[in-house]
PDB file of all heavy atoms in Angstrom:
ATOM      1  N   GLU A   1     144.162  91.260  99.575  1.00  0.00           N
ATOM      2  CA  GLU A   1     144.810  92.196  98.686  1.00  0.00           C
ATOM      3  C   GLU A   1     145.851  91.420  97.764  1.00  0.00           C
ATOM      4  O   GLU A   1     146.598  90.501  98.281  1.00  0.00           O
ATOM      5  CB  GLU A   1     145.611  93.221  99.440  1.00  0.00           C
ATOM      6  CG  GLU A   1     144.674  94.071 100.364  1.00  0.00           C
ATOM      7  CD  GLU A   1     145.433  95.046 101.287  1.00  0.00           C
ATOM      8  OE1 GLU A   1     146.575  95.167 101.156  1.00  0.00           O
ATOM      9  OE2 GLU A   1     144.681  95.544 102.220  1.00  0.00           O
ATOM     10  N   PHE A   2     145.817  91.782  96.512  1.00  0.00           N
ATOM     11  CA  PHE A   2     146.715  90.968  95.598  1.00  0.00           C
ATOM     12  C   PHE A   2     147.408  91.921  94.575  1.00  0.00           C
ATOM     13  O   PHE A   2     146.972  93.086  94.382  1.00  0.00           O
ATOM     14  CB  PHE A   2     145.914  89.946  94.836  1.00  0.00           C
ATOM     15  CG  PHE A   2     144.751  90.445  93.987  1.00  0.00           C
ATOM     16  CD1 PHE A   2     145.067  90.876  92.608  1.00  0.00           C
ATOM     17  CD2 PHE A   2     143.517  90.766  94.385  1.00  0.00           C
ATOM     18  CE1 PHE A   2     144.174  91.423  91.797  1.00  0.00           C
ATOM     19  CE2 PHE A   2     142.536  91.310  93.547  1.00  0.00           C
ATOM     20  CZ  PHE A   2     142.877  91.701  92.349  1.00  0.00           C
ATOM     21  N   SER A   3     148.319  91.439  93.824  1.00  0.00           N
ATOM     22  CA  SER A   3     148.859  92.081  92.742  1.00  0.00           C
ATOM     23  C   SER A   3     149.156  90.992  91.615  1.00  0.00           C
ATOM     24  O   SER A   3     149.437  89.844  91.970  1.00  0.00           O
ATOM     25  CB  SER A   3     150.191  92.791  93.074  1.00  0.00           C
ATOM     26  OG  SER A   3     151.161  91.969  93.638  1.00  0.00           O
ATOM     27  N   ALA A   4     149.048  91.349  90.393  1.00  0.00           N
ATOM     28  CA  ALA A   4     149.265  90.526  89.312  1.00  0.00           C
ATOM     29  C   ALA A   4     150.110  91.091  88.237  1.00  0.00           C
ATOM     30  O   ALA A   4     149.977  92.328  87.843  1.00  0.00           O
ATOM     31  CB  ALA A   4     147.962  89.997  88.728  1.00  0.00           C
ATOM     32  N   THR A   5     151.070  90.351  87.683  1.00  0.00           N
ATOM     33  CA  THR A   5     151.884  90.866  86.595  1.00  0.00           C
ATOM     34  C   THR A   5     151.489  90.093  85.263  1.00  0.00           C
ATOM     35  O   THR A   5     151.275  88.897  85.329  1.00  0.00           O
ATOM     36  CB  THR A   5     153.360  90.685  86.882  1.00  0.00           C
ATOM     37  OG1 THR A   5     153.736  89.384  87.129  1.00  0.00           O
ATOM     38  CG2 THR A   5     153.754  91.505  88.106  1.00  0.00           C
ATOM     39  N   ASP A   6     151.658  90.844  84.262  1.00  0.00           N
ATOM     40  CA  ASP A   6     151.403  90.256  82.889  1.00  0.00           C
ATOM     41  C   ASP A   6     152.264  91.041  81.848  1.00  0.00           C
ATOM     42  O   ASP A   6     153.260  91.687  82.216  1.00  0.00           O
ATOM     43  CB  ASP A   6     149.969  90.150  82.476  1.00  0.00           C
ATOM     44  CG  ASP A   6     149.201  91.497  82.630  1.00  0.00           C
ATOM     45  OD1 ASP A   6     149.831  92.547  82.453  1.00  0.00           O
ATOM     46  OD2 ASP A   6     148.008  91.494  82.828  1.00  0.00           O
ATOM     47  N   ASP A   7     151.741  91.140  80.663  1.00  0.00           N
ATOM     48  CA  ASP A   7     152.536  91.789  79.605  1.00  0.00           C
ATOM     49  C   ASP A   7     152.462  93.408  79.697  1.00  0.00           C
ATOM     50  O   ASP A   7     152.873  94.061  78.806  1.00  0.00           O
ATOM     51  CB  ASP A   7     152.130  91.295  78.290  1.00  0.00           C
ATOM     52  CG  ASP A   7     150.650  91.482  77.925  1.00  0.00           C
ATOM     53  OD1 ASP A   7     149.854  91.892  78.837  1.00  0.00           O
ATOM     54  OD2 ASP A   7     150.265  91.276  76.704  1.00  0.00           O
ATOM     55  N   GLN A   8     151.705  93.803  80.690  1.00  0.00           N
ATOM     56  CA  GLN A   8     151.519  95.311  80.820  1.00  0.00           C
ATOM     57  C   GLN A   8     152.630  95.905  81.617  1.00  0.00           C
ATOM     58  O   GLN A   8     153.338  95.210  82.393  1.00  0.00           O
ATOM     59  CB  GLN A   8     150.211  95.609  81.582  1.00  0.00           C
ATOM     60  CG  GLN A   8     148.979  95.097  80.803  1.00  0.00           C
ATOM     61  CD  GLN A   8     148.807  95.743  79.423  1.00  0.00           C
ATOM     62  OE1 GLN A   8     148.873  96.961  79.266  1.00  0.00           O
ATOM     63  NE2 GLN A   8     148.695  94.961  78.451  1.00  0.00           N
ATOM     64  N   PRO A   9     153.006  97.201  81.435  1.00  0.00           N
ATOM     65  CA  PRO A   9     154.213  97.736  82.170  1.00  0.00           C
ATOM     66  C   PRO A   9     154.060  97.799  83.678  1.00  0.00           C
ATOM     67  O   PRO A   9     155.051  97.801  84.406  1.00  0.00           O
ATOM     68  CB  PRO A   9     154.403  99.159  81.660  1.00  0.00           C
ATOM     69  CG  PRO A   9     153.079  99.403  80.822  1.00  0.00           C
ATOM     70  CD  PRO A   9     152.442  98.049  80.562  1.00  0.00           C
ATOM     71  N   SER A  10     152.838  97.941  84.190  1.00  0.00           N
ATOM     72  CA  SER A  10     152.648  98.025  85.657  1.00  0.00           C
ATOM     73  C   SER A  10     151.743  96.898  86.091  1.00  0.00           C
ATOM     74  O   SER A  10     150.944  96.396  85.415  1.00  0.00           O
ATOM     75  CB  SER A  10     151.949  99.338  85.997  1.00  0.00           C
ATOM     76  OG  SER A  10     152.656 100.474  85.586  1.00  0.00           O
ATOM     77  N   PRO A  11     152.082  96.398  87.374  1.00  0.00           N
ATOM     78  CA  PRO A  11     151.191  95.288  87.919  1.00  0.00           C
ATOM     79  C   PRO A  11     149.765  95.788  88.147  1.00  0.00           C
ATOM     80  O   PRO A  11     149.551  96.971  88.509  1.00  0.00           O
ATOM     81  CB  PRO A  11     151.907  94.883  89.167  1.00  0.00           C
ATOM     82  CG  PRO A  11     152.862  96.012  89.500  1.00  0.00           C
ATOM     83  CD  PRO A  11     153.081  96.785  88.229  1.00  0.00           C
ATOM     84  N   LEU A  12     148.814  94.857  88.113  1.00  0.00           N
ATOM     85  CA  LEU A  12     147.468  95.203  88.593  1.00  0.00           C
ATOM     86  C   LEU A  12     147.431  94.969  90.071  1.00  0.00           C
ATOM     87  O   LEU A  12     147.969  93.981  90.539  1.00  0.00           O
ATOM     88  CB  LEU A  12     146.507  94.221  87.873  1.00  0.00           C
ATOM     89  CG  LEU A  12     145.060  94.238  88.454  1.00  0.00           C
ATOM     90  CD1 LEU A  12     144.384  95.439  88.033  1.00  0.00           C
ATOM     91  CD2 LEU A  12     144.301  92.975  88.012  1.00  0.00           C
ATOM     92  N   ARG A  13     146.846  95.967  90.765  1.00  0.00           N
ATOM     93  CA  ARG A  13     146.742  95.790  92.203  1.00  0.00           C
ATOM     94  C   ARG A  13     145.242  95.890  92.629  1.00  0.00           C
ATOM     95  O   ARG A  13     144.520  96.708  92.022  1.00  0.00           O
ATOM     96  CB  ARG A  13     147.552  96.798  92.992  1.00  0.00           C
ATOM     97  CG  ARG A  13     148.977  96.785  92.769  1.00  0.00           C
ATOM     98  CD  ARG A  13     149.818  97.710  93.747  1.00  0.00           C
ATOM     99  NE  ARG A  13     151.164  97.598  93.414  1.00  0.00           N
ATOM    100  CZ  ARG A  13     152.041  96.577  93.804  1.00  0.00           C
ATOM    101  NH1 ARG A  13     151.498  95.530  94.495  1.00  0.00           N
ATOM    102  NH2 ARG A  13     153.256  96.644  93.477  1.00  0.00           N
ATOM    103  N   GLY A  14     144.794  95.103  93.512  1.00  0.00           N
ATOM    104  CA  GLY A  14     143.411  95.184  93.885  1.00  0.00           C
ATOM    105  C   GLY A  14     143.157  94.420  95.180  1.00  0.00           C
ATOM    106  O   GLY A  14     144.070  93.889  95.802  1.00  0.00           O
ATOM    107  N   TRP A  15     141.830  94.230  95.491  1.00  0.00           N
ATOM    108  CA  TRP A  15     141.448  93.466  96.562  1.00  0.00           C
ATOM    109  C   TRP A  15     140.119  92.871  96.342  1.00  0.00           C
ATOM    110  O   TRP A  15     139.226  93.409  95.589  1.00  0.00           O
ATOM    111  CB  TRP A  15     141.508  94.229  97.905  1.00  0.00           C
ATOM    112  CG  TRP A  15     140.695  95.460  97.934  1.00  0.00           C
ATOM    113  CD1 TRP A  15     141.149  96.669  97.665  1.00  0.00           C
ATOM    114  CD2 TRP A  15     139.310  95.558  98.455  1.00  0.00           C
ATOM    115  NE1 TRP A  15     140.025  97.615  97.802  1.00  0.00           N
ATOM    116  CE2 TRP A  15     138.977  96.985  98.319  1.00  0.00           C
ATOM    117  CE3 TRP A  15     138.411  94.728  98.890  1.00  0.00           C
ATOM    118  CZ2 TRP A  15     137.764  97.379  98.596  1.00  0.00           C
ATOM    119  CZ3 TRP A  15     137.187  95.096  99.205  1.00  0.00           C
ATOM    120  CH2 TRP A  15     136.745  96.483  99.094  1.00  0.00           C
ATOM    121  N   VAL A  16     139.812  91.776  97.046  1.00  0.00           N
ATOM    122  CA  VAL A  16     138.427  91.137  97.039  1.00  0.00           C
ATOM    123  C   VAL A  16     138.041  91.021  98.402  1.00  0.00           C
ATOM    124  O   VAL A  16     138.742  90.468  99.271  1.00  0.00           O
ATOM    125  CB  VAL A  16     138.462  89.795  96.237  1.00  0.00           C
ATOM    126  CG1 VAL A  16     137.145  89.115  96.414  1.00  0.00           C
ATOM    127  CG2 VAL A  16     138.789  90.016  94.753  1.00  0.00           C
ATOM    128  N   GLY A  17     136.855  91.429  98.767  1.00  0.00           N
ATOM    129  CA  GLY A  17     136.333  91.241 100.114  1.00  0.00           C
ATOM    130  C   GLY A  17     135.411  90.033 100.106  1.00  0.00           C
ATOM    131  O   GLY A  17     134.518  89.854  99.253  1.00  0.00           O
ATOM    132  N   GLY A  18     135.631  89.104 101.014  1.00  0.00           N
ATOM    133  CA  GLY A  18     134.865  87.877 101.101  1.00  0.00           C
ATOM    134  C   GLY A  18     135.211  86.990  99.947  1.00  0.00           C
ATOM    135  O   GLY A  18     136.299  86.576  99.666  1.00  0.00           O
ATOM    136  N   THR A  19     134.187  86.734  99.077  1.00  0.00           N
ATOM    137  CA  THR A  19     134.365  85.824  98.006  1.00  0.00           C
ATOM    138  C   THR A  19     134.165  86.729  96.721  1.00  0.00           C
ATOM    139  O   THR A  19     133.467  87.805  96.792  1.00  0.00           O
ATOM    140  CB  THR A  19     133.357  84.694  97.894  1.00  0.00           C
ATOM    141  OG1 THR A  19     132.018  85.233  97.951  1.00  0.00           O
ATOM    142  CG2 THR A  19     133.558  83.763  99.140  1.00  0.00           C
ATOM    143  N   GLY A  20     134.689  86.297  95.514  1.00  0.00           N
ATOM    144  CA  GLY A  20     134.454  87.012  94.332  1.00  0.00           C
ATOM    145  C   GLY A  20     135.320  86.465  93.284  1.00  0.00           C
ATOM    146  O   GLY A  20     135.998  85.441  93.460  1.00  0.00           O
ATOM    147  N   THR A  21     135.400  87.219  92.078  1.00  0.00           N
ATOM    148  CA  THR A  21     136.293  86.765  91.010  1.00  0.00           C
ATOM    149  C   THR A  21     137.027  87.903  90.426  1.00  0.00           C
ATOM    150  O   THR A  21     136.625  89.077  90.613  1.00  0.00           O
ATOM    151  CB  THR A  21     135.408  86.128  89.855  1.00  0.00           C
ATOM    152  OG1 THR A  21     134.553  87.144  89.383  1.00  0.00           O
ATOM    153  CG2 THR A  21     134.631  84.904  90.383  1.00  0.00           C
ATOM    154  N   VAL A  22     138.165  87.598  89.843  1.00  0.00           N
ATOM    155  CA  VAL A  22     139.018  88.577  89.223  1.00  0.00           C
ATOM    156  C   VAL A  22     139.468  87.920  87.821  1.00  0.00           C
ATOM    157  O   VAL A  22     139.804  86.782  87.800  1.00  0.00           O
ATOM    158  CB  VAL A  22     140.263  88.954  90.013  1.00  0.00           C
ATOM    159  CG1 VAL A  22     141.281  89.733  89.269  1.00  0.00           C
ATOM    160  CG2 VAL A  22     139.870  89.626  91.276  1.00  0.00           C
ATOM    161  N   GLN A  23     139.461  88.782  86.843  1.00  0.00           N
ATOM    162  CA  GLN A  23     139.983  88.331  85.498  1.00  0.00           C
ATOM    163  C   GLN A  23     141.190  89.344  85.188  1.00  0.00           C
ATOM    164  O   GLN A  23     140.890  90.561  85.206  1.00  0.00           O
ATOM    165  CB  GLN A  23     139.009  88.291  84.431  1.00  0.00           C
ATOM    166  CG  GLN A  23     138.014  87.200  84.637  1.00  0.00           C
ATOM    167  CD  GLN A  23     137.251  86.801  83.404  1.00  0.00           C
ATOM    168  OE1 GLN A  23     137.328  85.732  82.988  1.00  0.00           O
ATOM    169  NE2 GLN A  23     136.606  87.820  82.778  1.00  0.00           N
ATOM    170  N   THR A  24     142.368  88.858  84.894  1.00  0.00           N
ATOM    171  CA  THR A  24     143.416  89.698  84.496  1.00  0.00           C
ATOM    172  C   THR A  24     144.314  88.965  83.542  1.00  0.00           C
ATOM    173  O   THR A  24     144.393  87.734  83.710  1.00  0.00           O
ATOM    174  CB  THR A  24     144.220  90.270  85.636  1.00  0.00           C
ATOM    175  OG1 THR A  24     145.245  91.028  85.300  1.00  0.00           O
ATOM    176  CG2 THR A  24     144.800  89.136  86.492  1.00  0.00           C
ATOM    177  N   GLY A  25     144.952  89.643  82.634  1.00  0.00           N
ATOM    178  CA  GLY A  25     145.803  88.980  81.678  1.00  0.00           C
ATOM    179  C   GLY A  25     144.960  87.810  81.042  1.00  0.00           C
ATOM    180  O   GLY A  25     143.890  88.030  80.422  1.00  0.00           O
ATOM    181  N   ASP A  26     145.450  86.566  81.134  1.00  0.00           N
ATOM    182  CA  ASP A  26     144.719  85.466  80.548  1.00  0.00           C
ATOM    183  C   ASP A  26     144.295  84.455  81.720  1.00  0.00           C
ATOM    184  O   ASP A  26     144.152  83.279  81.434  1.00  0.00           O
ATOM    185  CB  ASP A  26     145.518  84.777  79.470  1.00  0.00           C
ATOM    186  CG  ASP A  26     146.854  84.320  79.904  1.00  0.00           C
ATOM    187  OD1 ASP A  26     147.248  84.624  81.144  1.00  0.00           O
ATOM    188  OD2 ASP A  26     147.676  83.727  79.142  1.00  0.00           O
ATOM    189  N   ILE A  27     144.064  84.986  82.908  1.00  0.00           N
ATOM    190  CA  ILE A  27     143.629  84.131  83.999  1.00  0.00           C
ATOM    191  C   ILE A  27     142.313  84.585  84.527  1.00  0.00           C
ATOM    192  O   ILE A  27     142.016  85.768  84.531  1.00  0.00           O
ATOM    193  CB  ILE A  27     144.700  84.010  85.184  1.00  0.00           C
ATOM    194  CG1 ILE A  27     145.025  85.402  85.712  1.00  0.00           C
ATOM    195  CG2 ILE A  27     145.893  83.225  84.696  1.00  0.00           C
ATOM    196  CD1 ILE A  27     145.797  85.287  87.024  1.00  0.00           C
ATOM    197  N   HIS A  28     141.596  83.655  85.159  1.00  0.00           N
ATOM    198  CA  HIS A  28     140.352  83.944  85.801  1.00  0.00           C
ATOM    199  C   HIS A  28     140.643  83.343  87.250  1.00  0.00           C
ATOM    200  O   HIS A  28     141.110  82.222  87.330  1.00  0.00           O
ATOM    201  CB  HIS A  28     139.113  83.200  85.199  1.00  0.00           C
ATOM    202  CG  HIS A  28     137.909  83.289  85.939  1.00  0.00           C
ATOM    203  ND1 HIS A  28     136.874  84.157  85.671  1.00  0.00           N
ATOM    204  CD2 HIS A  28     137.412  82.550  87.002  1.00  0.00           C
ATOM    205  CE1 HIS A  28     135.965  84.046  86.469  1.00  0.00           C
ATOM    206  NE2 HIS A  28     136.213  83.060  87.327  1.00  0.00           N
ATOM    207  N   VAL A  29     140.260  84.197  88.281  1.00  0.00           N
ATOM    208  CA  VAL A  29     140.605  83.670  89.674  1.00  0.00           C
ATOM    209  C   VAL A  29     139.254  83.751  90.430  1.00  0.00           C
ATOM    210  O   VAL A  29     138.639  84.887  90.548  1.00  0.00           O
ATOM    211  CB  VAL A  29     141.710  84.550  90.351  1.00  0.00           C
ATOM    212  CG1 VAL A  29     142.004  83.953  91.673  1.00  0.00           C
ATOM    213  CG2 VAL A  29     142.832  84.801  89.435  1.00  0.00           C
ATOM    214  N   ASP A  30     138.858  82.676  91.094  1.00  0.00           N
ATOM    215  CA  ASP A  30     137.761  82.599  92.075  1.00  0.00           C
ATOM    216  C   ASP A  30     138.370  82.659  93.418  1.00  0.00           C
ATOM    217  O   ASP A  30     139.231  81.888  93.759  1.00  0.00           O
ATOM    218  CB  ASP A  30     136.922  81.371  91.871  1.00  0.00           C
ATOM    219  CG  ASP A  30     136.127  81.383  90.573  1.00  0.00           C
ATOM    220  OD1 ASP A  30     135.469  82.351  90.269  1.00  0.00           O
ATOM    221  OD2 ASP A  30     136.312  80.410  89.798  1.00  0.00           O
ATOM    222  N   PHE A  31     137.821  83.555  94.313  1.00  0.00           N
ATOM    223  CA  PHE A  31     138.241  83.635  95.669  1.00  0.00           C
ATOM    224  C   PHE A  31     137.180  82.976  96.514  1.00  0.00           C
ATOM    225  O   PHE A  31     136.080  83.306  96.457  1.00  0.00           O
ATOM    226  CB  PHE A  31     138.397  85.165  96.081  1.00  0.00           C
ATOM    227  CG  PHE A  31     139.504  85.932  95.453  1.00  0.00           C
ATOM    228  CD1 PHE A  31     139.531  86.279  94.144  1.00  0.00           C
ATOM    229  CD2 PHE A  31     140.552  86.344  96.288  1.00  0.00           C
ATOM    230  CE1 PHE A  31     140.576  86.901  93.559  1.00  0.00           C
ATOM    231  CE2 PHE A  31     141.591  87.057  95.734  1.00  0.00           C
ATOM    232  CZ  PHE A  31     141.618  87.323  94.316  1.00  0.00           C
ATOM    233  N   ASP A  32     137.596  82.176  97.529  1.00  0.00           N
ATOM    234  CA  ASP A  32     136.713  81.523  98.413  1.00  0.00           C
ATOM    235  C   ASP A  32     137.391  81.648  99.873  1.00  0.00           C
ATOM    236  O   ASP A  32     138.558  81.438  99.969  1.00  0.00           O
ATOM    237  CB  ASP A  32     136.532  80.065  98.099  1.00  0.00           C
ATOM    238  CG  ASP A  32     135.429  79.424  98.865  1.00  0.00           C
ATOM    239  OD1 ASP A  32     134.672  80.083  99.577  1.00  0.00           O
ATOM    240  OD2 ASP A  32     135.396  78.155  98.851  1.00  0.00           O
ATOM    241  N   ARG A  33     136.487  81.897 100.836  1.00  0.00           N
ATOM    242  CA  ARG A  33     136.889  81.954 102.242  1.00  0.00           C
ATOM    243  C   ARG A  33     136.036  80.915 102.926  1.00  0.00           C
ATOM    244  O   ARG A  33     134.992  81.333 103.540  1.00  0.00           O
ATOM    245  CB  ARG A  33     136.714  83.385 102.765  1.00  0.00           C
ATOM    246  CG  ARG A  33     137.745  84.252 102.086  1.00  0.00           C
ATOM    247  CD  ARG A  33     138.146  85.437 102.812  1.00  0.00           C
ATOM    248  NE  ARG A  33     138.932  85.287 103.991  1.00  0.00           N
ATOM    249  CZ  ARG A  33     139.530  86.268 104.516  1.00  0.00           C
ATOM    250  NH1 ARG A  33     139.538  87.426 104.020  1.00  0.00           N
ATOM    251  NH2 ARG A  33     140.320  85.990 105.676  1.00  0.00           N
ATOM    252  N   PRO A  34     136.485  79.664 103.005  1.00  0.00           N
ATOM    253  CA  PRO A  34     135.657  78.670 103.683  1.00  0.00           C
ATOM    254  C   PRO A  34     135.526  78.849 105.113  1.00  0.00           C
ATOM    255  O   PRO A  34     134.527  78.321 105.743  1.00  0.00           O
ATOM    256  CB  PRO A  34     136.307  77.343 103.317  1.00  0.00           C
ATOM    257  CG  PRO A  34     137.734  77.692 102.968  1.00  0.00           C
ATOM    258  CD  PRO A  34     137.709  79.081 102.380  1.00  0.00           C
ATOM    259  N   ASP A  35     136.408  79.593 105.692  1.00  0.00           N
ATOM    260  CA  ASP A  35     136.329  79.925 107.089  1.00  0.00           C
ATOM    261  C   ASP A  35     137.212  81.206 107.371  1.00  0.00           C
ATOM    262  O   ASP A  35     137.728  81.676 106.495  1.00  0.00           O
ATOM    263  CB  ASP A  35     136.771  78.742 108.047  1.00  0.00           C
ATOM    264  CG  ASP A  35     138.072  78.207 107.732  1.00  0.00           C
ATOM    265  OD1 ASP A  35     139.033  79.016 107.644  1.00  0.00           O
ATOM    266  OD2 ASP A  35     138.211  77.001 107.504  1.00  0.00           O
ATOM    267  N   ASP A  36     137.265  81.639 108.592  1.00  0.00           N
ATOM    268  CA  ASP A  36     137.860  82.952 108.965  1.00  0.00           C
ATOM    269  C   ASP A  36     139.347  82.857 108.768  1.00  0.00           C
ATOM    270  O   ASP A  36     140.108  83.864 108.630  1.00  0.00           O
ATOM    271  CB  ASP A  36     137.603  83.252 110.429  1.00  0.00           C
ATOM    272  CG  ASP A  36     136.193  83.734 110.545  1.00  0.00           C
ATOM    273  OD1 ASP A  36     135.457  84.147 109.547  1.00  0.00           O
ATOM    274  OD2 ASP A  36     135.654  83.705 111.634  1.00  0.00           O
ATOM    275  N   GLU A  37     139.905  81.582 108.694  1.00  0.00           N
ATOM    276  CA  GLU A  37     141.427  81.517 108.740  1.00  0.00           C
ATOM    277  C   GLU A  37     142.035  81.210 107.438  1.00  0.00           C
ATOM    278  O   GLU A  37     143.223  81.281 107.248  1.00  0.00           O
ATOM    279  CB  GLU A  37     141.771  80.383 109.728  1.00  0.00           C
ATOM    280  CG  GLU A  37     141.372  80.715 111.198  1.00  0.00           C
ATOM    281  CD  GLU A  37     141.540  79.384 112.064  1.00  0.00           C
ATOM    282  OE1 GLU A  37     142.159  78.454 111.608  1.00  0.00           O
ATOM    283  OE2 GLU A  37     141.128  79.548 113.141  1.00  0.00           O
ATOM    284  N   ARG A  38     141.143  80.826 106.383  1.00  0.00           N
ATOM    285  CA  ARG A  38     141.852  80.268 105.167  1.00  0.00           C
ATOM    286  C   ARG A  38     141.276  81.055 103.925  1.00  0.00           C
ATOM    287  O   ARG A  38     140.064  81.404 103.953  1.00  0.00           O
ATOM    288  CB  ARG A  38     141.505  78.759 105.010  1.00  0.00           C
ATOM    289  CG  ARG A  38     142.226  78.009 106.168  1.00  0.00           C
ATOM    290  CD  ARG A  38     141.955  76.581 106.145  1.00  0.00           C
ATOM    291  NE  ARG A  38     140.633  76.211 105.990  1.00  0.00           N
ATOM    292  CZ  ARG A  38     140.091  75.455 104.909  1.00  0.00           C
ATOM    293  NH1 ARG A  38     140.961  74.947 104.022  1.00  0.00           N
ATOM    294  NH2 ARG A  38     138.889  75.224 104.912  1.00  0.00           N
TER     295      ARG A  38
END
């Protein structure tokens, strides 16, 4: 679960299950879970 702030009045809140990507503001984020702990 994550939140991101940018030039918008409210933060973006969301979640990614397992692996995936998110784009918000001017960033691109790749999520990786190489094992259960990290």
